[in-house]
């Protein structure tokens, strides 16, 4: 199975109908999250309003935007290596909310757990998956964004609201899981130098394929784990929860690339809370075969990096996937040309709302997004001033907003 695959094609224009937005949100909260230690912006911080069961994450600039039906009394912010913050939302306070998060420290007694056998800890966590994760089907509203850069310049931006349906974690595989696109848009460069289109296969389905806890074929099974050396690292905290940290590195050379990985496991419940993966690209041919499905004749592909982060969140004693980020970096050049171009493809998905159990519905096959499809081919260009309406999204960074404006201008010309 290859959860990360891209295709490099000459640009083709395709368009599909998108659904209409919902009514406007009652309140839009926005702000910026920084570290109290050095003032640096914190990316990928979980920001939620529990009263309305909605959430998002901060962007690379540490900024967030959260839409709710009415003003929530408080927000909850959680991040790896920092204490959880609960902030009160005051009357009339909706924007420029600045939140300082305090780094958490590890006490000596927690450091001593590094003497534990890492394989014993991982096996115990795998055994407790049916207890820690949902035994009922679930449906989640999500926001998905996919960007491609040539050098430092954005050449493509695609975004969507999606529904993510997951069967019980007792199943042990992703059979029956599905994603449906509710509303989406794409913006693409029309410059002649950018006619090489970078397309991520199955982009919105990546949260299914990369759910390492549910997709046991990916990493968490005896056969795969036997290919790795495991080590206990210094424990860390996610919010107020102490975490075992287990690192994995390839033990053998096999006929496919393996990963360097870090598993974060709640010390009390043994739930997997975070999984970090980095593809071993030391063998260029194997990495290329793993990442690339097709390319124009004469194009040379040089893989540089593929990293993935999967975050899980526990609510009412049930742990579920909450955020996935996947980043690829590679070089492409044409034969007989002097310089190669560096491309970066980033996809990220955040769960913005978990649907109440009584309202969970299965996504029908004809409505689901296929693993062999490209998101670019399923949505069309949109240039509406309030495209997302009341839906929650990941706030675009300043550089991405600037890029989107430039791509829109190119399209109008």
Protein backbone atom coordinates (compact mmCIF):
# COMPACT_ATOMS: atom_id res chain seq x y z
CA UNK A 1 0.00 0.00 0.00
CA UNK A 2 1.26 3.46 -0.93
CA UNK A 3 -0.55 6.21 0.99
CA UNK A 4 1.61 9.01 -0.41
CA UNK A 5 1.59 9.15 -4.20
CA UNK A 6 1.72 12.02 -6.65
CA UNK A 7 1.45 12.35 -10.38
CA UNK A 8 3.26 14.93 -12.50
CA UNK A 9 1.23 15.92 -15.52
CA UNK A 10 0.97 18.64 -18.08
CA UNK A 11 -1.79 20.97 -16.94
CA UNK A 12 -5.35 20.08 -17.96
CA UNK A 13 -8.44 22.08 -17.01
CA UNK A 14 -11.34 20.15 -15.43
CA UNK A 15 -14.30 21.52 -13.49
CA UNK A 16 -17.04 20.04 -11.29
CA UNK A 17 -20.06 21.49 -9.55
CA UNK A 18 -19.72 22.38 -5.85
CA UNK A 19 -22.51 22.64 -3.29
CA UNK A 20 -23.82 25.87 -1.86
CA UNK A 21 -22.52 27.23 1.46
CA UNK A 22 -24.49 27.23 4.70
CA UNK A 23 -25.80 30.27 6.55
CA UNK A 24 -23.37 32.73 8.07
CA UNK A 25 -21.80 31.99 11.44
CA UNK A 26 -23.02 33.95 14.45
CA UNK A 27 -19.54 34.73 15.81
CA UNK A 28 -16.09 34.60 14.23
CA UNK A 29 -13.21 34.41 16.70
CA UNK A 30 -9.64 35.04 15.55
CA UNK A 31 -6.31 35.36 17.25
CA UNK A 32 -2.67 34.39 17.52
CA UNK A 33 -0.93 31.82 19.71
CA UNK A 34 2.67 32.26 20.89
CA UNK A 35 5.07 30.65 23.35
CA UNK A 36 5.40 32.49 26.64
CA UNK A 37 9.08 31.51 26.72
CA UNK A 38 10.29 33.28 23.58
CA UNK A 39 7.23 34.83 21.92
CA UNK A 40 7.53 32.59 18.86
CA UNK A 41 4.35 31.73 16.97
CA UNK A 42 3.02 28.20 17.55
CA UNK A 43 1.75 26.28 14.53
CA UNK A 44 -0.76 23.41 14.57
CA UNK A 45 -2.13 24.22 18.04
CA UNK A 46 -5.55 22.65 18.60
CA UNK A 47 -8.17 25.36 19.28
CA UNK A 48 -11.68 24.26 20.27
CA UNK A 49 -14.96 25.64 21.60
CA UNK A 50 -16.37 22.65 23.54
CA UNK A 51 -19.80 24.26 23.98
CA UNK A 52 -20.38 24.12 20.23
CA UNK A 53 -18.30 21.01 19.49
CA UNK A 54 -16.16 22.84 16.91
CA UNK A 55 -12.40 23.10 16.54
CA UNK A 56 -9.53 24.04 14.26
CA UNK A 57 -5.72 24.41 14.38
CA UNK A 58 -3.41 27.39 14.12
CA UNK A 59 -1.61 27.99 10.83
CA UNK A 60 2.15 28.34 10.31
CA UNK A 61 1.95 31.93 11.57
CA UNK A 62 0.29 30.82 14.82
CA UNK A 63 -3.04 32.36 13.76
CA UNK A 64 -6.48 30.81 14.13
CA UNK A 65 -10.06 31.54 13.10
CA UNK A 66 -13.03 29.76 14.68
CA UNK A 67 -16.70 30.21 13.76
CA UNK A 68 -19.47 29.44 16.26
CA UNK A 69 -23.24 29.94 16.39
CA UNK A 70 -22.88 32.28 19.37
CA UNK A 71 -20.09 33.61 21.58
CA UNK A 72 -18.56 30.71 23.52
CA UNK A 73 -17.68 31.28 27.16
CA UNK A 74 -14.20 29.79 26.70
CA UNK A 75 -11.71 28.23 24.30
CA UNK A 76 -9.42 25.26 24.95
CA UNK A 77 -5.92 25.21 23.39
CA UNK A 78 -3.64 22.17 23.44
CA UNK A 79 -0.21 21.51 21.92
CA UNK A 80 2.70 19.12 22.20
CA UNK A 81 5.16 20.29 24.87
CA UNK A 82 2.87 22.99 26.31
CA UNK A 83 0.36 23.22 29.12
CA UNK A 84 -3.29 23.27 28.08
CA UNK A 85 -4.79 26.77 28.08
CA UNK A 86 -8.41 27.53 28.89
CA UNK A 87 -9.19 31.14 28.06
CA UNK A 88 -12.38 33.07 28.74
CA UNK A 89 -13.98 34.81 25.78
CA UNK A 90 -15.18 38.20 27.01
CA UNK A 91 -18.18 40.10 25.68
CA UNK A 92 -17.22 41.86 22.44
CA UNK A 93 -13.85 40.06 22.28
CA UNK A 94 -13.81 38.33 18.91
CA UNK A 95 -10.58 39.24 17.13
CA UNK A 96 -6.91 39.83 17.89
CA UNK A 97 -7.08 37.38 20.77
CA UNK A 98 -3.48 36.77 21.83
CA UNK A 99 -2.82 33.55 23.72
CA UNK A 100 0.47 32.74 25.42
CA UNK A 101 1.13 29.06 26.06
CA UNK A 102 3.57 27.94 28.72
CA UNK A 103 6.07 25.17 27.89
CA UNK A 104 5.61 22.10 30.09
CA UNK A 105 8.49 20.47 31.94
CA UNK A 106 9.24 16.80 32.54
CA UNK A 107 9.97 15.73 36.11
CA UNK A 108 12.69 13.20 36.94
CA UNK A 109 10.27 10.38 37.79
CA UNK A 110 8.91 10.57 34.24
CA UNK A 111 12.39 10.53 32.71
CA UNK A 112 13.13 7.27 34.50
CA UNK A 113 10.42 5.44 32.54
CA UNK A 114 12.87 5.38 29.62
CA UNK A 115 14.14 2.15 31.18
CA UNK A 116 10.93 0.41 30.03
CA UNK A 117 11.00 -1.97 27.08
CA UNK A 118 9.63 0.06 24.13
CA UNK A 119 8.19 -3.01 22.36
CA UNK A 120 6.26 -3.96 25.49
CA UNK A 121 4.77 -0.43 25.64
CA UNK A 122 3.82 -0.41 21.94
CA UNK A 123 2.26 -3.88 22.09
CA UNK A 124 0.25 -2.91 25.17
CA UNK A 125 -0.99 0.23 23.37
CA UNK A 126 -1.99 -1.82 20.30
CA UNK A 127 -3.89 -4.25 22.53
CA UNK A 128 -5.86 -1.37 24.05
CA UNK A 129 -6.95 0.17 20.73
CA UNK A 130 -10.49 -1.34 20.93
CA UNK A 131 -10.84 0.11 24.42
CA UNK A 132 -9.47 3.59 23.68
CA UNK A 133 -11.05 4.28 20.28
CA UNK A 134 -14.61 4.31 19.00
CA UNK A 135 -16.44 0.99 18.73
CA UNK A 136 -19.24 2.73 16.80
CA UNK A 137 -19.18 4.25 13.30
CA UNK A 138 -18.38 7.97 13.37
CA UNK A 139 -18.84 10.93 11.05
CA UNK A 140 -16.69 14.05 11.16
CA UNK A 141 -16.84 17.38 9.35
CA UNK A 142 -13.35 18.38 8.17
CA UNK A 143 -11.42 21.04 6.31
CA UNK A 144 -8.79 19.96 3.80
CA UNK A 145 -6.12 22.08 2.11
CA UNK A 146 -3.55 21.07 -0.50
CA UNK A 147 -0.80 23.40 -1.76
CA UNK A 148 2.05 23.08 -4.24
CA UNK A 149 5.05 25.39 -4.39
CA UNK A 150 7.75 25.77 -7.02
CA UNK A 151 10.66 27.12 -5.05
CA UNK A 152 9.12 29.58 -2.60
CA UNK A 153 6.22 30.49 -4.88
CA UNK A 154 2.76 28.91 -4.62
CA UNK A 155 1.61 27.50 -7.96
CA UNK A 156 -1.52 25.66 -6.78
CA UNK A 157 -3.98 25.85 -3.90
CA UNK A 158 -6.93 23.48 -3.47
CA UNK A 159 -9.31 23.50 -0.50
CA UNK A 160 -12.42 21.60 0.51
CA UNK A 161 -14.97 20.93 3.17
CA UNK A 162 -15.23 17.17 3.56
CA UNK A 163 -17.16 14.58 5.53
CA UNK A 164 -15.06 11.74 6.94
CA UNK A 165 -16.85 8.49 7.80
CA UNK A 166 -15.04 5.86 9.86
CA UNK A 167 -16.18 2.42 10.89
CA UNK A 168 -15.44 0.94 14.32
CA UNK A 169 -11.80 0.74 15.38
CA UNK A 170 -12.50 -2.86 16.39
CA UNK A 171 -12.35 -3.71 12.68
CA UNK A 172 -8.58 -3.13 12.53
CA UNK A 173 -8.52 -1.86 8.95
CA UNK A 174 -9.94 1.01 6.87
CA UNK A 175 -12.49 -1.03 4.91
CA UNK A 176 -15.74 0.93 4.82
CA UNK A 177 -14.11 4.28 5.67
CA UNK A 178 -14.93 7.01 3.17
CA UNK A 179 -14.56 10.73 2.39
CA UNK A 180 -17.09 12.93 0.64
CA UNK A 181 -16.35 16.39 -0.76
CA UNK A 182 -19.03 18.85 0.35
CA UNK A 183 -17.62 22.01 -1.20
CA UNK A 184 -14.26 22.84 -2.73
CA UNK A 185 -12.24 25.13 -4.94
CA UNK A 186 -8.93 25.17 -6.77
CA UNK A 187 -6.63 27.98 -7.82
CA UNK A 188 -3.83 27.25 -10.25
CA UNK A 189 -0.99 29.27 -11.76
CA UNK A 190 -1.35 30.03 -15.47
CA UNK A 191 2.30 31.02 -15.98
CA UNK A 192 4.04 29.14 -18.77
CA UNK A 193 6.83 27.95 -16.44
CA UNK A 194 4.23 26.32 -14.19
CA UNK A 195 2.58 24.11 -16.81
CA UNK A 196 3.91 21.08 -14.97
CA UNK A 197 1.00 20.24 -12.67
CA UNK A 198 1.77 18.49 -9.39
CA UNK A 199 -1.19 16.36 -8.36
CA UNK A 200 -1.52 14.46 -5.12
CA UNK A 201 -3.38 11.20 -5.65
CA UNK A 202 -6.23 10.56 -3.23
CA UNK A 203 -5.45 13.72 -1.26
CA UNK A 204 -8.65 14.02 0.83
CA UNK A 205 -8.48 10.26 1.51
CA UNK A 206 -5.03 10.55 3.11
CA UNK A 207 -6.57 10.85 6.63
CA UNK A 208 -8.00 7.36 6.09
CA UNK A 209 -4.82 5.81 4.74
CA UNK A 210 -2.63 7.52 7.35
CA UNK A 211 -4.76 6.73 10.39
CA UNK A 212 -1.93 4.62 11.79
CA UNK A 213 -4.05 3.38 14.68
CA UNK A 214 -6.87 2.05 12.50
CA UNK A 215 -4.82 1.16 9.42
CA UNK A 216 -2.72 -1.54 11.06
CA UNK A 217 -1.07 -2.37 7.71
CA UNK A 218 0.81 0.93 7.81
CA UNK A 219 3.05 0.31 10.84
CA UNK A 220 1.39 -1.06 13.99
CA UNK A 221 1.56 -4.80 13.39
CA UNK A 222 4.10 -7.45 14.36
CA UNK A 223 5.42 -7.97 10.84
CA UNK A 224 6.12 -4.28 10.23
CA UNK A 225 7.49 -3.63 13.72
CA UNK A 226 9.98 -6.49 13.29
CA UNK A 227 11.69 -4.39 10.58
CA UNK A 228 12.54 -1.61 13.06
CA UNK A 229 14.73 -0.88 16.06
CA UNK A 230 12.66 0.69 18.86
CA UNK A 231 13.98 3.06 21.51
CA UNK A 232 12.38 4.80 24.50
CA UNK A 233 12.94 8.56 24.32
CA UNK A 234 12.55 11.18 27.04
CA UNK A 235 8.80 11.50 27.82
CA UNK A 236 6.89 14.60 26.76
CA UNK A 237 3.53 16.17 27.49
CA UNK A 238 0.56 16.94 25.29
CA UNK A 239 -1.39 19.42 27.36
CA UNK A 240 -1.43 18.01 30.88
CA UNK A 241 -1.03 14.39 29.77
CA UNK A 242 2.34 12.68 30.14
CA UNK A 243 3.38 10.67 27.08
CA UNK A 244 5.70 7.76 26.45
CA UNK A 245 7.74 8.53 23.34
CA UNK A 246 9.00 5.59 21.26
CA UNK A 247 11.25 6.15 18.25
CA UNK A 248 11.61 3.70 15.36
CA UNK A 249 14.41 3.40 12.84
CA UNK A 250 14.81 0.86 10.00
CA UNK A 251 16.63 -2.30 11.08
CA UNK A 252 16.91 -4.02 7.71
CA UNK A 253 17.13 -3.11 4.05
CA UNK A 254 14.05 -4.34 2.22
CA UNK A 255 12.71 -3.83 -1.29
CA UNK A 256 10.69 -0.79 -0.28
CA UNK A 257 11.46 2.32 1.76
CA UNK A 258 10.73 2.25 5.50
CA UNK A 259 10.12 5.10 7.95
CA UNK A 260 11.79 6.90 10.77
CA UNK A 261 8.97 7.33 13.29
CA UNK A 262 8.00 8.61 16.72
CA UNK A 263 4.99 7.26 18.59
CA UNK A 264 3.42 9.25 21.44
CA UNK A 265 1.46 7.07 23.87
CA UNK A 266 -0.58 8.37 26.81
CA UNK A 267 1.07 7.03 29.97
CA UNK A 268 -2.24 6.50 31.76
CA UNK A 269 -4.58 5.18 29.06
CA UNK A 270 -1.97 3.82 26.58
CA UNK A 271 -3.81 5.56 23.74
CA UNK A 272 -1.75 6.60 20.73
CA UNK A 273 -2.00 10.39 20.71
CA UNK A 274 0.46 11.39 17.99
CA UNK A 275 2.39 9.61 15.23
CA UNK A 276 5.26 11.20 13.30
CA UNK A 277 6.58 9.53 10.14
CA UNK A 278 9.52 10.36 7.87
CA UNK A 279 10.15 8.27 4.78
CA UNK A 280 13.68 6.91 4.33
CA UNK A 281 14.69 8.43 0.96
CA UNK A 282 18.29 7.23 1.04
CA UNK A 283 17.50 4.86 -1.84
CA UNK A 284 16.32 7.28 -4.53
CA UNK A 285 14.86 4.60 -6.82
CA UNK A 286 12.77 2.94 -4.09
CA UNK A 287 11.57 6.31 -2.76
CA UNK A 288 10.64 7.45 -6.27
CA UNK A 289 8.70 4.26 -6.93
CA UNK A 290 6.87 4.73 -3.61
CA UNK A 291 5.98 8.41 -4.11
CA UNK A 292 5.45 8.82 -7.85
CA UNK A 293 2.87 7.13 -10.08
CA UNK A 294 3.43 8.90 -13.39
CA UNK A 295 5.37 11.70 -15.06
CA UNK A 296 5.83 13.17 -18.54
CA UNK A 297 8.56 11.61 -20.72
CA UNK A 298 11.98 13.17 -20.17
CA UNK A 299 11.25 14.43 -16.65
CA UNK A 300 13.67 13.42 -13.91
CA UNK A 301 12.40 13.09 -10.33
CA UNK A 302 14.58 13.37 -7.23
CA UNK A 303 12.79 12.74 -3.88
CA UNK A 304 14.09 14.81 -0.97
CA UNK A 305 11.63 14.50 1.92
CA UNK A 306 8.29 13.03 2.92
CA UNK A 307 7.01 13.67 6.45
CA UNK A 308 3.66 13.07 8.09
CA UNK A 309 2.12 14.00 11.45
CA UNK A 310 -1.11 12.42 12.73
CA UNK A 311 -2.70 13.87 15.88
CA UNK A 312 -5.45 12.26 17.95
CA UNK A 313 -7.74 13.89 20.51
CA UNK A 314 -9.57 12.29 23.44
CA UNK A 315 -13.09 13.50 24.25
CA UNK A 316 -15.26 11.75 26.85
CA UNK A 317 -12.76 8.86 27.08
CA UNK A 318 -12.91 8.18 23.32
CA UNK A 319 -9.85 8.97 21.19
CA UNK A 320 -10.26 9.91 17.54
CA UNK A 321 -8.17 11.37 14.73
CA UNK A 322 -8.07 15.18 14.82
CA UNK A 323 -5.36 16.50 12.47
CA UNK A 324 -3.15 15.13 9.68
CA UNK A 325 -0.34 16.95 7.90
CA UNK A 326 1.66 15.50 5.02
CA UNK A 327 4.60 17.26 3.33
CA UNK A 328 6.60 16.16 0.27
CA UNK A 329 9.66 17.87 -1.15
CA UNK A 330 11.34 16.84 -4.40
CA UNK A 331 13.28 18.17 -7.37
CA UNK A 332 12.26 17.91 -11.01
CA UNK A 333 14.26 18.74 -14.10
CA UNK A 334 14.02 18.02 -17.78
CA UNK A 335 16.82 16.20 -19.55
CA UNK A 336 19.37 18.52 -21.18
CA UNK A 337 18.29 21.44 -18.98
CA UNK A 338 20.79 22.98 -16.60
CA UNK A 339 18.76 23.73 -13.46
CA UNK A 340 16.27 21.65 -11.45
CA UNK A 341 13.22 23.11 -9.72
CA UNK A 342 12.35 22.26 -6.12
CA UNK A 343 8.70 21.46 -5.45
CA UNK A 344 6.93 21.23 -2.10
CA UNK A 345 3.48 19.65 -1.77
CA UNK A 346 1.64 20.02 1.55
CA UNK A 347 -1.73 18.56 2.45
CA UNK A 348 -3.45 18.99 5.80
CA UNK A 349 -6.81 18.02 7.25
CA UNK A 350 -8.38 19.14 10.51
CA UNK A 351 -11.53 17.72 12.07
CA UNK A 352 -13.72 20.75 12.75
CA UNK A 353 -16.73 18.92 14.23
CA UNK A 354 -17.67 15.42 15.34
CA UNK A 355 -21.28 14.61 14.40
CA UNK A 356 -23.49 13.30 17.27
CA UNK A 357 -23.87 9.52 17.16
CA UNK A 358 -27.60 9.71 16.40
CA UNK A 359 -26.86 11.68 13.21
CA UNK A 360 -24.05 9.50 11.85
CA UNK A 361 -24.69 8.34 8.28
CA UNK A 362 -22.67 6.17 5.94
CA UNK A 363 -21.18 7.80 2.84
CA UNK A 364 -22.44 5.99 -0.23
CA UNK A 365 -19.92 4.61 -2.71
CA UNK A 366 -20.98 6.90 -5.54
CA UNK A 367 -20.45 9.95 -3.31
CA UNK A 368 -17.08 8.92 -1.91
CA UNK A 369 -13.72 10.23 -3.10
CA UNK A 370 -11.46 7.53 -4.60
CA UNK A 371 -7.89 6.77 -3.57
CA UNK A 372 -6.80 6.95 -7.21
CA UNK A 373 -8.49 10.30 -7.86
CA UNK A 374 -6.82 13.70 -7.73
CA UNK A 375 -8.57 16.44 -5.80
CA UNK A 376 -7.73 18.99 -8.51
CA UNK A 377 -9.97 17.07 -10.93
CA UNK A 378 -12.99 17.13 -8.63
CA UNK A 379 -13.38 20.86 -7.94
CA UNK A 380 -13.38 24.04 -10.00
CA UNK A 381 -12.15 27.63 -9.81
CA UNK A 382 -14.13 29.89 -7.47
CA UNK A 383 -13.64 33.57 -6.76
CA UNK A 384 -16.31 34.42 -4.19
CA UNK A 385 -15.45 36.94 -1.43
CA UNK A 386 -17.00 34.76 1.31
CA UNK A 387 -16.52 31.34 -0.22
CA UNK A 388 -16.51 29.38 3.07
CA UNK A 389 -19.44 31.12 4.74
CA UNK A 390 -20.03 29.71 8.23
CA UNK A 391 -17.75 26.71 7.77
CA UNK A 392 -14.63 26.36 9.92
CA UNK A 393 -11.29 26.26 8.11
CA UNK A 394 -7.58 26.53 8.84
CA UNK A 395 -6.79 30.24 8.59
CA UNK A 396 -4.50 30.90 5.61
CA UNK A 397 -1.08 32.33 6.36
CA UNK A 398 -0.22 35.81 5.14
CA UNK A 399 1.96 34.36 2.35
CA UNK A 400 -0.80 31.98 1.27
CA UNK A 401 -3.39 34.76 1.21
CA UNK A 402 -1.06 36.79 -0.99
CA UNK A 403 -0.57 33.79 -3.28
CA UNK A 404 -4.32 33.19 -3.55
CA UNK A 405 -4.85 36.82 -4.56
CA UNK A 406 -2.17 36.53 -7.26
CA UNK A 407 -3.62 33.27 -8.62
CA UNK A 408 -7.09 34.85 -8.79
CA UNK A 409 -5.70 37.82 -10.74
CA UNK A 410 -3.96 35.47 -13.17
CA UNK A 411 -7.23 33.64 -13.72
CA UNK A 412 -9.13 36.87 -14.50
CA UNK A 413 -6.55 38.07 -17.05
